[in-house]
Amino acid sequence: MFILKTELYFPPLDMADEDGLLAIGGDLSIERLLLAYKSGIFPWYNEDEPICWWSPDPRFALYPSEINISSSMRTVLNNGKFRFTINRAFPQVIQNCKTVTRQGQEGTWISPAMQKAYINLHELGYAHSAETWLDGELVGGLYGIRLGNMFFGESMFCTKNNASKFAFISYVKQLQRENVKLIDCQLHTNHLESLGARMIDRKLFTEILAAETGV
């Protein structure tokens, strides 16, 4: 296992183990996080563990043109119940992603250090949020990193049925209008698979990454 130190460096992706774990250690500086995303790497770890850096193969991703919208969700999108915004409540979105419980999940991987790092990225224009509102209350949303024509999804939450799906689908449609080519979903979930995400080869993922972020 590669141990990161103070040098701003990541090892080649083919050094990752079969689960995708590439390296541990380092820090959550702006420079290291941007290098990680540009290299096809993301951080994911529990608060009481060292920072773990991942690059799974295959990679779970969504081509915006392949978004799957069920007939029931089309009704939700069109009935005017929810309101959609972008970058109106980033700190609140990441806080809710941290605190709102999910079925089958104990605790959260969004540590205070992680939370602070992504708020810093947001203030610099790299991290973005999409929000769902109901009667003026934030009831769903997601956040992630935008680099060129790539979006790297990090987490989402909802406190009302379909609120996170509403934010996700609405944001994917917006990203498609902005010529985003691929949305990185990182690891498989049934929820995102139902919305059209699928596994792609890491080599293809990094080729798209290089073409669409200019690395």
N, C-alpha and C. Protein backbone atom coordinates (compact mmCIF):
# COMPACT_ATOMS: atom_id res chain seq x y z
N MET A 1 0.85 -1.20 0.00
CA MET A 1 0.00 0.00 0.00
C MET A 1 0.88 1.24 0.00
N PHE A 2 0.60 2.16 -0.92
CA PHE A 2 1.42 3.37 -1.02
C PHE A 2 1.03 4.34 0.09
N ILE A 3 2.03 4.86 0.78
CA ILE A 3 1.82 5.82 1.86
C ILE A 3 2.18 7.21 1.36
N LEU A 4 1.23 8.12 1.36
CA LEU A 4 1.48 9.49 0.95
C LEU A 4 2.14 10.27 2.08
N LYS A 5 3.01 11.17 1.70
CA LYS A 5 3.65 12.05 2.69
C LYS A 5 3.32 13.49 2.33
N THR A 6 4.27 14.40 2.46
CA THR A 6 3.95 15.80 2.20
C THR A 6 4.04 16.15 0.73
N GLU A 7 4.78 15.37 -0.05
CA GLU A 7 4.92 15.65 -1.48
C GLU A 7 3.56 15.55 -2.17
N LEU A 8 3.30 16.48 -3.09
CA LEU A 8 2.04 16.49 -3.83
C LEU A 8 2.14 15.49 -4.97
N TYR A 9 1.73 14.25 -4.69
CA TYR A 9 1.96 13.15 -5.62
C TYR A 9 0.97 12.04 -5.34
N PHE A 10 0.56 11.34 -6.43
CA PHE A 10 -0.19 10.09 -6.31
C PHE A 10 0.49 9.05 -7.19
N PRO A 11 0.49 7.79 -6.77
CA PRO A 11 1.09 6.74 -7.59
C PRO A 11 0.22 6.43 -8.80
N PRO A 12 0.74 5.69 -9.78
CA PRO A 12 -0.06 5.30 -10.94
C PRO A 12 -1.30 4.51 -10.52
N LEU A 13 -2.39 4.68 -11.25
CA LEU A 13 -3.66 4.07 -10.88
C LEU A 13 -3.61 2.55 -10.87
N ASP A 14 -2.73 1.96 -11.69
CA ASP A 14 -2.68 0.50 -11.73
C ASP A 14 -2.05 -0.10 -10.48
N MET A 15 -1.61 0.76 -9.55
CA MET A 15 -1.12 0.27 -8.25
C MET A 15 -2.26 0.04 -7.26
N ALA A 16 -3.49 0.44 -7.60
CA ALA A 16 -4.63 0.23 -6.71
C ALA A 16 -4.90 -1.26 -6.53
N ASP A 17 -5.39 -1.63 -5.35
CA ASP A 17 -5.71 -3.03 -5.11
C ASP A 17 -7.04 -3.38 -5.78
N GLU A 18 -7.50 -4.62 -5.62
CA GLU A 18 -8.69 -5.07 -6.35
C GLU A 18 -9.95 -4.32 -5.94
N ASP A 19 -9.95 -3.71 -4.76
CA ASP A 19 -11.09 -2.91 -4.35
C ASP A 19 -11.00 -1.46 -4.80
N GLY A 20 -9.83 -1.09 -5.33
CA GLY A 20 -9.65 0.28 -5.80
C GLY A 20 -8.87 1.18 -4.87
N LEU A 21 -8.43 0.65 -3.71
CA LEU A 21 -7.67 1.47 -2.77
C LEU A 21 -6.26 1.68 -3.32
N LEU A 22 -5.89 2.95 -3.50
CA LEU A 22 -4.63 3.29 -4.14
C LEU A 22 -3.57 3.74 -3.15
N ALA A 23 -3.96 4.56 -2.17
CA ALA A 23 -2.97 5.13 -1.25
C ALA A 23 -3.66 5.57 0.02
N ILE A 24 -2.87 5.77 1.06
CA ILE A 24 -3.40 6.32 2.31
C ILE A 24 -2.47 7.44 2.78
N GLY A 25 -3.06 8.33 3.57
CA GLY A 25 -2.26 9.42 4.12
C GLY A 25 -2.45 10.71 3.34
N GLY A 26 -1.46 11.59 3.45
CA GLY A 26 -1.56 12.88 2.78
C GLY A 26 -2.46 13.84 3.54
N ASP A 27 -3.12 14.71 2.82
CA ASP A 27 -3.95 15.73 3.44
C ASP A 27 -5.13 16.05 2.52
N LEU A 28 -5.97 16.99 2.97
CA LEU A 28 -7.14 17.40 2.19
C LEU A 28 -6.96 18.83 1.69
N SER A 29 -5.74 19.18 1.35
CA SER A 29 -5.49 20.52 0.82
C SER A 29 -6.19 20.69 -0.52
N ILE A 30 -6.46 21.94 -0.89
CA ILE A 30 -7.07 22.22 -2.18
C ILE A 30 -6.26 21.61 -3.31
N GLU A 31 -4.93 21.79 -3.24
CA GLU A 31 -4.05 21.32 -4.30
C GLU A 31 -4.10 19.80 -4.44
N ARG A 32 -4.10 19.09 -3.32
CA ARG A 32 -4.12 17.63 -3.40
C ARG A 32 -5.48 17.11 -3.88
N LEU A 33 -6.54 17.72 -3.41
CA LEU A 33 -7.86 17.29 -3.85
C LEU A 33 -8.05 17.51 -5.35
N LEU A 34 -7.63 18.65 -5.86
CA LEU A 34 -7.76 18.91 -7.29
C LEU A 34 -6.90 17.94 -8.10
N LEU A 35 -5.69 17.67 -7.64
CA LEU A 35 -4.83 16.70 -8.32
C LEU A 35 -5.49 15.33 -8.32
N ALA A 36 -6.10 14.96 -7.20
CA ALA A 36 -6.76 13.66 -7.10
C ALA A 36 -7.87 13.54 -8.15
N TYR A 37 -8.78 14.51 -8.18
CA TYR A 37 -9.90 14.42 -9.12
C TYR A 37 -9.42 14.44 -10.56
N LYS A 38 -8.42 15.28 -10.87
CA LYS A 38 -7.89 15.32 -12.23
C LYS A 38 -7.21 14.02 -12.62
N SER A 39 -6.81 13.24 -11.61
CA SER A 39 -6.11 11.98 -11.86
C SER A 39 -7.04 10.77 -11.82
N GLY A 40 -8.32 10.98 -11.52
CA GLY A 40 -9.26 9.86 -11.42
C GLY A 40 -9.27 9.21 -10.05
N ILE A 41 -9.00 9.98 -9.01
CA ILE A 41 -8.86 9.49 -7.64
C ILE A 41 -9.80 10.29 -6.74
N PHE A 42 -10.37 9.65 -5.73
CA PHE A 42 -11.20 10.39 -4.78
C PHE A 42 -10.94 9.89 -3.36
N PRO A 43 -11.14 10.77 -2.36
CA PRO A 43 -10.96 10.36 -0.96
C PRO A 43 -12.24 9.77 -0.39
N TRP A 44 -12.09 8.75 0.45
CA TRP A 44 -13.25 8.14 1.10
C TRP A 44 -12.72 7.34 2.29
N TYR A 45 -13.13 7.73 3.48
CA TYR A 45 -12.60 7.10 4.68
C TYR A 45 -13.46 7.47 5.88
N ASN A 46 -13.37 6.68 6.94
CA ASN A 46 -14.07 6.99 8.17
C ASN A 46 -13.26 7.97 9.00
N GLU A 47 -13.95 8.70 9.85
CA GLU A 47 -13.31 9.79 10.59
C GLU A 47 -12.14 9.32 11.45
N ASP A 48 -12.21 8.12 11.97
CA ASP A 48 -11.16 7.62 12.86
C ASP A 48 -10.07 6.86 12.11
N GLU A 49 -10.04 6.99 10.78
CA GLU A 49 -9.05 6.31 9.95
C GLU A 49 -8.17 7.34 9.25
N PRO A 50 -6.99 6.91 8.75
CA PRO A 50 -6.22 7.80 7.89
C PRO A 50 -6.98 8.04 6.58
N ILE A 51 -6.63 9.12 5.88
CA ILE A 51 -7.27 9.42 4.60
C ILE A 51 -6.96 8.29 3.61
N CYS A 52 -7.99 7.76 2.98
CA CYS A 52 -7.84 6.71 1.98
C CYS A 52 -8.22 7.27 0.61
N TRP A 53 -7.40 6.95 -0.39
CA TRP A 53 -7.60 7.46 -1.75
C TRP A 53 -7.90 6.28 -2.68
N TRP A 54 -8.95 6.43 -3.50
CA TRP A 54 -9.49 5.32 -4.26
C TRP A 54 -9.53 5.61 -5.76
N SER A 55 -9.35 4.56 -6.54
CA SER A 55 -9.55 4.62 -8.00
C SER A 55 -10.00 3.24 -8.46
N PRO A 56 -11.29 2.94 -8.28
CA PRO A 56 -11.79 1.58 -8.60
C PRO A 56 -11.82 1.30 -10.09
N ASP A 57 -11.72 0.03 -10.42
CA ASP A 57 -11.80 -0.44 -11.80
C ASP A 57 -12.66 -1.70 -11.82
N PRO A 58 -13.85 -1.65 -12.44
CA PRO A 58 -14.39 -0.56 -13.24
C PRO A 58 -14.91 0.59 -12.37
N ARG A 59 -15.25 1.68 -13.06
CA ARG A 59 -15.74 2.89 -12.41
C ARG A 59 -17.22 3.03 -12.67
N PHE A 60 -17.98 3.46 -11.67
CA PHE A 60 -19.42 3.65 -11.81
C PHE A 60 -19.66 5.09 -12.27
N ALA A 61 -20.32 5.25 -13.40
CA ALA A 61 -20.46 6.58 -14.00
C ALA A 61 -21.76 6.68 -14.78
N LEU A 62 -22.13 7.91 -15.07
CA LEU A 62 -23.36 8.18 -15.82
C LEU A 62 -23.06 9.12 -16.98
N TYR A 63 -23.40 8.70 -18.19
CA TYR A 63 -23.41 9.62 -19.32
C TYR A 63 -24.72 10.42 -19.24
N PRO A 64 -24.66 11.75 -19.19
CA PRO A 64 -25.89 12.53 -19.01
C PRO A 64 -27.00 12.18 -19.99
N SER A 65 -26.64 11.83 -21.22
CA SER A 65 -27.66 11.50 -22.22
C SER A 65 -28.38 10.20 -21.90
N GLU A 66 -27.82 9.41 -20.96
CA GLU A 66 -28.42 8.11 -20.63
C GLU A 66 -29.24 8.16 -19.34
N ILE A 67 -29.51 9.37 -18.83
CA ILE A 67 -30.30 9.48 -17.61
C ILE A 67 -31.66 8.80 -17.82
N ASN A 68 -32.04 7.97 -16.86
CA ASN A 68 -33.29 7.22 -16.94
C ASN A 68 -34.32 7.88 -16.04
N ILE A 69 -35.38 8.38 -16.63
CA ILE A 69 -36.41 9.07 -15.87
C ILE A 69 -37.70 8.27 -15.95
N SER A 70 -38.12 7.72 -14.84
CA SER A 70 -39.34 6.91 -14.82
C SER A 70 -40.56 7.80 -15.03
N SER A 71 -41.68 7.17 -15.38
CA SER A 71 -42.91 7.95 -15.60
C SER A 71 -43.35 8.64 -14.31
N SER A 72 -43.13 7.97 -13.16
CA SER A 72 -43.52 8.60 -11.89
C SER A 72 -42.65 9.81 -11.59
N MET A 73 -41.35 9.74 -11.94
CA MET A 73 -40.47 10.88 -11.70
C MET A 73 -40.77 12.01 -12.70
N ARG A 74 -41.21 11.67 -13.90
CA ARG A 74 -41.59 12.73 -14.83
C ARG A 74 -42.76 13.54 -14.26
N THR A 75 -43.66 12.84 -13.59
CA THR A 75 -44.77 13.52 -12.95
C THR A 75 -44.26 14.46 -11.86
N VAL A 76 -43.31 13.96 -11.04
CA VAL A 76 -42.74 14.79 -9.97
C VAL A 76 -42.03 16.01 -10.55
N LEU A 77 -41.30 15.80 -11.64
CA LEU A 77 -40.55 16.90 -12.26
C LEU A 77 -41.48 17.98 -12.81
N ASN A 78 -42.68 17.57 -13.21
CA ASN A 78 -43.56 18.50 -13.92
C ASN A 78 -44.70 19.05 -13.08
N ASN A 79 -44.90 18.52 -11.87
CA ASN A 79 -46.10 18.93 -11.13
C ASN A 79 -45.91 20.22 -10.32
N GLY A 80 -44.69 20.75 -10.28
CA GLY A 80 -44.47 22.03 -9.59
C GLY A 80 -44.39 21.94 -8.09
N LYS A 81 -44.37 20.73 -7.53
CA LYS A 81 -44.30 20.59 -6.07
C LYS A 81 -42.97 21.07 -5.52
N PHE A 82 -41.87 20.67 -6.16
CA PHE A 82 -40.53 21.02 -5.72
C PHE A 82 -39.98 22.19 -6.54
N ARG A 83 -39.04 22.91 -5.93
CA ARG A 83 -38.29 23.96 -6.62
C ARG A 83 -36.82 23.56 -6.64
N PHE A 84 -36.16 23.79 -7.78
CA PHE A 84 -34.76 23.40 -7.99
C PHE A 84 -33.86 24.63 -8.04
N THR A 85 -32.71 24.57 -7.36
CA THR A 85 -31.71 25.63 -7.44
C THR A 85 -30.32 25.00 -7.50
N ILE A 86 -29.35 25.83 -7.89
CA ILE A 86 -27.95 25.43 -7.94
C ILE A 86 -27.12 26.40 -7.12
N ASN A 87 -26.29 25.87 -6.25
CA ASN A 87 -25.34 26.67 -5.47
C ASN A 87 -25.99 27.73 -4.59
N ARG A 88 -27.19 27.46 -4.13
CA ARG A 88 -27.87 28.39 -3.23
C ARG A 88 -27.63 28.04 -1.76
N ALA A 89 -27.22 26.80 -1.49
CA ALA A 89 -27.13 26.38 -0.08
C ALA A 89 -26.08 25.29 0.10
N PHE A 90 -24.88 25.52 -0.44
CA PHE A 90 -23.85 24.48 -0.39
C PHE A 90 -23.54 24.02 1.04
N PRO A 91 -23.26 24.93 1.99
CA PRO A 91 -22.96 24.45 3.35
C PRO A 91 -24.09 23.62 3.96
N GLN A 92 -25.33 24.02 3.70
CA GLN A 92 -26.47 23.27 4.24
C GLN A 92 -26.59 21.90 3.58
N VAL A 93 -26.31 21.84 2.29
CA VAL A 93 -26.39 20.55 1.59
C VAL A 93 -25.36 19.57 2.16
N ILE A 94 -24.11 20.00 2.29
CA ILE A 94 -23.10 19.08 2.79
C ILE A 94 -23.37 18.72 4.25
N GLN A 95 -23.92 19.64 5.02
CA GLN A 95 -24.28 19.33 6.40
C GLN A 95 -25.38 18.28 6.45
N ASN A 96 -26.37 18.40 5.58
CA ASN A 96 -27.44 17.40 5.54
C ASN A 96 -26.93 16.06 5.03
N CYS A 97 -26.02 16.08 4.05
CA CYS A 97 -25.44 14.82 3.59
C CYS A 97 -24.70 14.12 4.73
N LYS A 98 -24.17 14.90 5.63
CA LYS A 98 -23.45 14.37 6.78
C LYS A 98 -24.39 13.81 7.85
N THR A 99 -25.52 14.48 8.07
CA THR A 99 -26.34 14.16 9.25
C THR A 99 -27.61 13.36 8.96
N VAL A 100 -28.17 13.48 7.76
CA VAL A 100 -29.42 12.76 7.46
C VAL A 100 -29.11 11.28 7.31
N THR A 101 -29.81 10.46 8.08
CA THR A 101 -29.55 9.02 8.08
C THR A 101 -30.07 8.38 6.80
N ARG A 102 -29.38 7.32 6.36
CA ARG A 102 -29.78 6.56 5.19
C ARG A 102 -30.03 5.12 5.61
N GLN A 103 -30.99 4.50 4.97
CA GLN A 103 -31.32 3.12 5.29
C GLN A 103 -30.11 2.22 5.04
N GLY A 104 -29.74 1.42 6.03
CA GLY A 104 -28.64 0.49 5.89
C GLY A 104 -27.27 1.11 6.08
N GLN A 105 -27.22 2.37 6.49
CA GLN A 105 -25.92 3.03 6.66
C GLN A 105 -25.77 3.52 8.08
N GLU A 106 -24.66 3.18 8.69
CA GLU A 106 -24.38 3.63 10.04
C GLU A 106 -23.34 4.74 9.99
N GLY A 107 -23.67 5.89 10.56
CA GLY A 107 -22.70 6.97 10.62
C GLY A 107 -22.47 7.62 9.26
N THR A 108 -21.38 8.37 9.16
CA THR A 108 -21.07 9.10 7.94
C THR A 108 -19.58 9.13 7.71
N TRP A 109 -19.18 9.26 6.45
CA TRP A 109 -17.76 9.42 6.12
C TRP A 109 -17.39 10.89 5.97
N ILE A 110 -18.38 11.78 6.08
CA ILE A 110 -18.11 13.22 5.92
C ILE A 110 -17.66 13.77 7.26
N SER A 111 -16.36 13.75 7.49
CA SER A 111 -15.78 14.24 8.73
C SER A 111 -15.78 15.77 8.72
N PRO A 112 -15.56 16.42 9.88
CA PRO A 112 -15.43 17.87 9.89
C PRO A 112 -14.33 18.37 8.95
N ALA A 113 -13.22 17.64 8.87
CA ALA A 113 -12.14 18.05 7.97
C ALA A 113 -12.57 17.96 6.51
N MET A 114 -13.29 16.89 6.17
CA MET A 114 -13.81 16.73 4.81
C MET A 114 -14.81 17.84 4.49
N GLN A 115 -15.68 18.11 5.43
CA GLN A 115 -16.68 19.15 5.25
C GLN A 115 -16.02 20.51 4.98
N LYS A 116 -15.04 20.85 5.77
CA LYS A 116 -14.34 22.12 5.61
C LYS A 116 -13.62 22.19 4.26
N ALA A 117 -12.99 21.08 3.86
CA ALA A 117 -12.24 21.05 2.61
C ALA A 117 -13.16 21.31 1.41
N TYR A 118 -14.36 20.72 1.42
CA TYR A 118 -15.25 20.89 0.28
C TYR A 118 -15.94 22.26 0.29
N ILE A 119 -16.15 22.82 1.45
CA ILE A 119 -16.64 24.20 1.50
C ILE A 119 -15.58 25.14 0.93
N ASN A 120 -14.32 24.88 1.23
CA ASN A 120 -13.23 25.67 0.63
C ASN A 120 -13.24 25.54 -0.89
N LEU A 121 -13.43 24.31 -1.38
CA LEU A 121 -13.50 24.09 -2.83
C LEU A 121 -14.69 24.82 -3.44
N HIS A 122 -15.79 24.86 -2.72
CA HIS A 122 -16.97 25.58 -3.20
C HIS A 122 -16.68 27.07 -3.30
N GLU A 123 -16.04 27.62 -2.29
CA GLU A 123 -15.73 29.05 -2.29
C GLU A 123 -14.80 29.43 -3.44
N LEU A 124 -14.01 28.47 -3.91
CA LEU A 124 -13.10 28.70 -5.04
C LEU A 124 -13.74 28.37 -6.38
N GLY A 125 -14.99 27.90 -6.36
CA GLY A 125 -15.71 27.65 -7.60
C GLY A 125 -15.60 26.24 -8.15
N TYR A 126 -15.00 25.32 -7.40
CA TYR A 126 -14.84 23.94 -7.88
C TYR A 126 -15.96 23.01 -7.41
N ALA A 127 -16.44 23.19 -6.21
CA ALA A 127 -17.49 22.33 -5.66
C ALA A 127 -18.84 23.00 -5.83
N HIS A 128 -19.84 22.22 -6.22
CA HIS A 128 -21.16 22.76 -6.52
C HIS A 128 -22.24 21.93 -5.83
N SER A 129 -23.35 22.58 -5.59
CA SER A 129 -24.49 21.89 -5.00
C SER A 129 -25.73 22.11 -5.84
N ALA A 130 -26.63 21.15 -5.76
CA ALA A 130 -27.95 21.26 -6.37
C ALA A 130 -28.97 21.01 -5.27
N GLU A 131 -30.03 21.81 -5.25
CA GLU A 131 -30.94 21.77 -4.11
C GLU A 131 -32.39 21.57 -4.54
N THR A 132 -33.12 20.87 -3.69
CA THR A 132 -34.57 20.73 -3.82
C THR A 132 -35.23 21.42 -2.64
N TRP A 133 -36.21 22.27 -2.94
CA TRP A 133 -36.92 23.02 -1.91
C TRP A 133 -38.41 22.67 -1.94
N LEU A 134 -39.01 22.64 -0.77
CA LEU A 134 -40.46 22.44 -0.64
C LEU A 134 -40.98 23.48 0.34
N ASP A 135 -41.80 24.38 -0.14
CA ASP A 135 -42.37 25.46 0.69
C ASP A 135 -41.27 26.21 1.45
N GLY A 136 -40.17 26.49 0.74
CA GLY A 136 -39.08 27.26 1.33
C GLY A 136 -38.12 26.48 2.19
N GLU A 137 -38.33 25.18 2.34
CA GLU A 137 -37.47 24.33 3.16
C GLU A 137 -36.59 23.45 2.27
N LEU A 138 -35.30 23.35 2.61
CA LEU A 138 -34.38 22.48 1.89
C LEU A 138 -34.68 21.03 2.25
N VAL A 139 -35.11 20.24 1.25
CA VAL A 139 -35.54 18.87 1.53
C VAL A 139 -34.74 17.81 0.78
N GLY A 140 -33.80 18.26 -0.06
CA GLY A 140 -32.98 17.31 -0.80
C GLY A 140 -31.87 18.04 -1.53
N GLY A 141 -30.86 17.28 -1.89
CA GLY A 141 -29.78 17.90 -2.64
C GLY A 141 -28.59 16.99 -2.82
N LEU A 142 -27.60 17.51 -3.51
CA LEU A 142 -26.36 16.77 -3.76
C LEU A 142 -25.23 17.78 -3.92
N TYR A 143 -24.00 17.27 -3.79
CA TYR A 143 -22.85 18.13 -4.06
C TYR A 143 -21.75 17.31 -4.73
N GLY A 144 -20.84 18.02 -5.39
CA GLY A 144 -19.74 17.35 -6.06
C GLY A 144 -18.79 18.37 -6.64
N ILE A 145 -17.85 17.89 -7.44
CA ILE A 145 -16.79 18.71 -8.02
C ILE A 145 -17.01 18.82 -9.53
N ARG A 146 -16.85 20.01 -10.07
CA ARG A 146 -16.93 20.24 -11.51
C ARG A 146 -15.54 20.66 -12.01
N LEU A 147 -15.01 19.90 -12.95
CA LEU A 147 -13.76 20.23 -13.62
C LEU A 147 -13.97 20.09 -15.11
N GLY A 148 -13.92 21.19 -15.83
CA GLY A 148 -14.15 21.13 -17.26
C GLY A 148 -15.52 20.56 -17.56
N ASN A 149 -15.55 19.55 -18.42
CA ASN A 149 -16.81 18.90 -18.80
C ASN A 149 -17.03 17.60 -18.06
N MET A 150 -16.52 17.54 -16.83
CA MET A 150 -16.72 16.39 -15.94
C MET A 150 -17.35 16.87 -14.63
N PHE A 151 -18.26 16.05 -14.09
CA PHE A 151 -18.79 16.31 -12.75
C PHE A 151 -18.56 15.07 -11.91
N PHE A 152 -18.02 15.26 -10.71
CA PHE A 152 -17.70 14.16 -9.80
C PHE A 152 -18.67 14.23 -8.62
N GLY A 153 -19.67 13.37 -8.62
CA GLY A 153 -20.65 13.38 -7.55
C GLY A 153 -20.07 12.84 -6.26
N GLU A 154 -20.42 13.48 -5.16
CA GLU A 154 -19.90 13.07 -3.85
C GLU A 154 -20.97 12.47 -2.95
N SER A 155 -22.05 13.17 -2.73
CA SER A 155 -23.08 12.64 -1.83
C SER A 155 -24.40 13.35 -2.09
N MET A 156 -25.49 12.74 -1.65
CA MET A 156 -26.80 13.36 -1.76
C MET A 156 -27.63 13.00 -0.54
N PHE A 157 -28.70 13.75 -0.33
CA PHE A 157 -29.57 13.49 0.82
C PHE A 157 -31.00 13.84 0.43
N CYS A 158 -31.95 13.33 1.21
CA CYS A 158 -33.32 13.79 1.09
C CYS A 158 -34.04 13.60 2.42
N THR A 159 -34.99 14.49 2.68
CA THR A 159 -35.87 14.34 3.84
C THR A 159 -37.33 14.18 3.42
N LYS A 160 -37.58 14.28 2.11
CA LYS A 160 -38.90 14.03 1.55
C LYS A 160 -38.76 13.07 0.38
N ASN A 161 -39.74 12.22 0.18
CA ASN A 161 -39.70 11.26 -0.91
C ASN A 161 -39.42 11.95 -2.25
N ASN A 162 -38.48 11.37 -2.99
CA ASN A 162 -38.12 11.81 -4.34
C ASN A 162 -37.34 13.12 -4.41
N ALA A 163 -37.04 13.72 -3.26
CA ALA A 163 -36.36 15.03 -3.29
C ALA A 163 -34.94 14.93 -3.83
N SER A 164 -34.21 13.87 -3.47
CA SER A 164 -32.85 13.75 -4.00
C SER A 164 -32.87 13.38 -5.48
N LYS A 165 -33.81 12.53 -5.88
CA LYS A 165 -33.95 12.20 -7.31
C LYS A 165 -34.29 13.44 -8.12
N PHE A 166 -35.15 14.28 -7.57
CA PHE A 166 -35.53 15.52 -8.25
C PHE A 166 -34.31 16.40 -8.46
N ALA A 167 -33.49 16.55 -7.42
CA ALA A 167 -32.28 17.37 -7.54
C ALA A 167 -31.31 16.75 -8.54
N PHE A 168 -31.13 15.44 -8.46
CA PHE A 168 -30.16 14.76 -9.32
C PHE A 168 -30.57 14.86 -10.79
N ILE A 169 -31.81 14.50 -11.09
CA ILE A 169 -32.26 14.53 -12.48
C ILE A 169 -32.24 15.95 -13.03
N SER A 170 -32.70 16.90 -12.23
CA SER A 170 -32.71 18.30 -12.67
C SER A 170 -31.28 18.78 -12.94
N TYR A 171 -30.35 18.38 -12.09
CA TYR A 171 -28.97 18.83 -12.26
C TYR A 171 -28.31 18.14 -13.46
N VAL A 172 -28.58 16.85 -13.64
CA VAL A 172 -28.03 16.15 -14.80
C VAL A 172 -28.52 16.82 -16.09
N LYS A 173 -29.78 17.19 -16.15
CA LYS A 173 -30.30 17.86 -17.33
C LYS A 173 -29.61 19.20 -17.56
N GLN A 174 -29.32 19.91 -16.47
CA GLN A 174 -28.59 21.17 -16.58
C GLN A 174 -27.16 20.92 -17.06
N LEU A 175 -26.49 19.92 -16.49
CA LEU A 175 -25.13 19.61 -16.90
C LEU A 175 -25.08 19.19 -18.37
N GLN A 176 -26.09 18.48 -18.82
CA GLN A 176 -26.14 18.09 -20.23
C GLN A 176 -26.22 19.32 -21.12
N ARG A 177 -27.01 20.31 -20.71
CA ARG A 177 -27.09 21.56 -21.48
C ARG A 177 -25.75 22.29 -21.50
N GLU A 178 -24.95 22.07 -20.45
CA GLU A 178 -23.64 22.73 -20.35
C GLU A 178 -22.53 21.88 -20.95
N ASN A 179 -22.89 20.81 -21.67
CA ASN A 179 -21.95 19.97 -22.42
C ASN A 179 -21.07 19.10 -21.52
N VAL A 180 -21.51 18.81 -20.31
CA VAL A 180 -20.77 17.86 -19.47
C VAL A 180 -20.89 16.47 -20.09
N LYS A 181 -19.77 15.79 -20.23
CA LYS A 181 -19.72 14.51 -20.95
C LYS A 181 -19.93 13.30 -20.06
N LEU A 182 -19.52 13.41 -18.78
CA LEU A 182 -19.60 12.24 -17.90
C LEU A 182 -19.74 12.69 -16.46
N ILE A 183 -20.55 11.94 -15.72
CA ILE A 183 -20.72 12.17 -14.28
C ILE A 183 -20.15 10.98 -13.54
N ASP A 184 -19.15 11.23 -12.73
CA ASP A 184 -18.52 10.17 -11.94
C ASP A 184 -19.38 9.88 -10.72
N CYS A 185 -19.86 8.66 -10.62
CA CYS A 185 -20.66 8.24 -9.46
C CYS A 185 -19.83 7.40 -8.50
N GLN A 186 -18.56 7.15 -8.85
CA GLN A 186 -17.57 6.49 -8.00
C GLN A 186 -17.88 5.02 -7.77
N LEU A 187 -18.78 4.75 -6.84
CA LEU A 187 -19.07 3.36 -6.44
C LEU A 187 -20.53 3.02 -6.71
N HIS A 188 -20.78 1.75 -7.00
CA HIS A 188 -22.12 1.32 -7.38
C HIS A 188 -23.13 1.50 -6.27
N THR A 189 -24.31 2.04 -6.63
CA THR A 189 -25.49 1.99 -5.77
C THR A 189 -26.68 1.63 -6.64
N ASN A 190 -27.62 0.90 -6.08
CA ASN A 190 -28.83 0.54 -6.82
C ASN A 190 -29.61 1.78 -7.21
N HIS A 191 -29.59 2.78 -6.32
CA HIS A 191 -30.32 4.03 -6.55
C HIS A 191 -29.84 4.70 -7.84
N LEU A 192 -28.53 4.85 -7.99
CA LEU A 192 -27.99 5.51 -9.17
C LEU A 192 -28.06 4.61 -10.41
N GLU A 193 -27.96 3.31 -10.20
CA GLU A 193 -28.12 2.40 -11.34
C GLU A 193 -29.52 2.55 -11.94
N SER A 194 -30.51 2.72 -11.08
CA SER A 194 -31.88 2.88 -11.57
C SER A 194 -32.05 4.16 -12.37
N LEU A 195 -31.14 5.12 -12.15
CA LEU A 195 -31.20 6.39 -12.87
C LEU A 195 -30.32 6.38 -14.12
N GLY A 196 -29.66 5.25 -14.41
CA GLY A 196 -28.92 5.13 -15.65
C GLY A 196 -27.42 5.00 -15.53
N ALA A 197 -26.88 5.07 -14.32
CA ALA A 197 -25.43 4.93 -14.15
C ALA A 197 -25.02 3.48 -14.42
N ARG A 198 -23.79 3.30 -14.90
CA ARG A 198 -23.30 1.96 -15.20
C ARG A 198 -21.79 1.90 -15.01
N MET A 199 -21.28 0.69 -14.98
CA MET A 199 -19.84 0.48 -14.84
C MET A 199 -19.14 0.72 -16.17
N ILE A 200 -18.03 1.45 -16.12
CA ILE A 200 -17.18 1.58 -17.30
C ILE A 200 -15.74 1.27 -16.91
N ASP A 201 -14.97 0.85 -17.86
CA ASP A 201 -13.57 0.51 -17.63
C ASP A 201 -12.80 1.74 -17.15
N ARG A 202 -11.91 1.56 -16.17
CA ARG A 202 -11.14 2.69 -15.66
C ARG A 202 -10.30 3.35 -16.74
N LYS A 203 -9.78 2.57 -17.65
CA LYS A 203 -8.99 3.14 -18.74
C LYS A 203 -9.84 4.10 -19.57
N LEU A 204 -11.06 3.70 -19.92
CA LEU A 204 -11.96 4.58 -20.65
C LEU A 204 -12.29 5.81 -19.81
N PHE A 205 -12.54 5.60 -18.52
CA PHE A 205 -12.85 6.72 -17.64
C PHE A 205 -11.73 7.76 -17.65
N THR A 206 -10.48 7.31 -17.53
CA THR A 206 -9.36 8.25 -17.48
C THR A 206 -9.10 8.89 -18.84
N GLU A 207 -9.44 8.19 -19.92
CA GLU A 207 -9.31 8.80 -21.24
C GLU A 207 -10.31 9.95 -21.39
N ILE A 208 -11.53 9.72 -20.96
CA ILE A 208 -12.54 10.79 -20.99
C ILE A 208 -12.13 11.93 -20.07
N LEU A 209 -11.63 11.57 -18.91
CA LEU A 209 -11.17 12.56 -17.92
C LEU A 209 -10.10 13.46 -18.53
N ALA A 210 -9.12 12.86 -19.18
CA ALA A 210 -8.03 13.65 -19.78
C ALA A 210 -8.55 14.55 -20.89
N ALA A 211 -9.47 14.04 -21.69
CA ALA A 211 -9.99 14.83 -22.81
C ALA A 211 -10.87 15.98 -22.34
N GLU A 212 -11.62 15.77 -21.27
CA GLU A 212 -12.63 16.75 -20.86
C GLU A 212 -12.17 17.69 -19.76
N THR A 213 -11.03 17.42 -19.13
CA THR A 213 -10.52 18.34 -18.12
C THR A 213 -9.19 18.95 -18.53
N GLY A 214 -8.63 18.49 -19.65
CA GLY A 214 -7.40 19.05 -20.15
C GLY A 214 -6.16 18.65 -19.38
N VAL A 215 -6.20 17.45 -18.71
CA VAL A 215 -5.02 17.00 -17.96
C VAL A 215 -4.15 16.10 -18.84
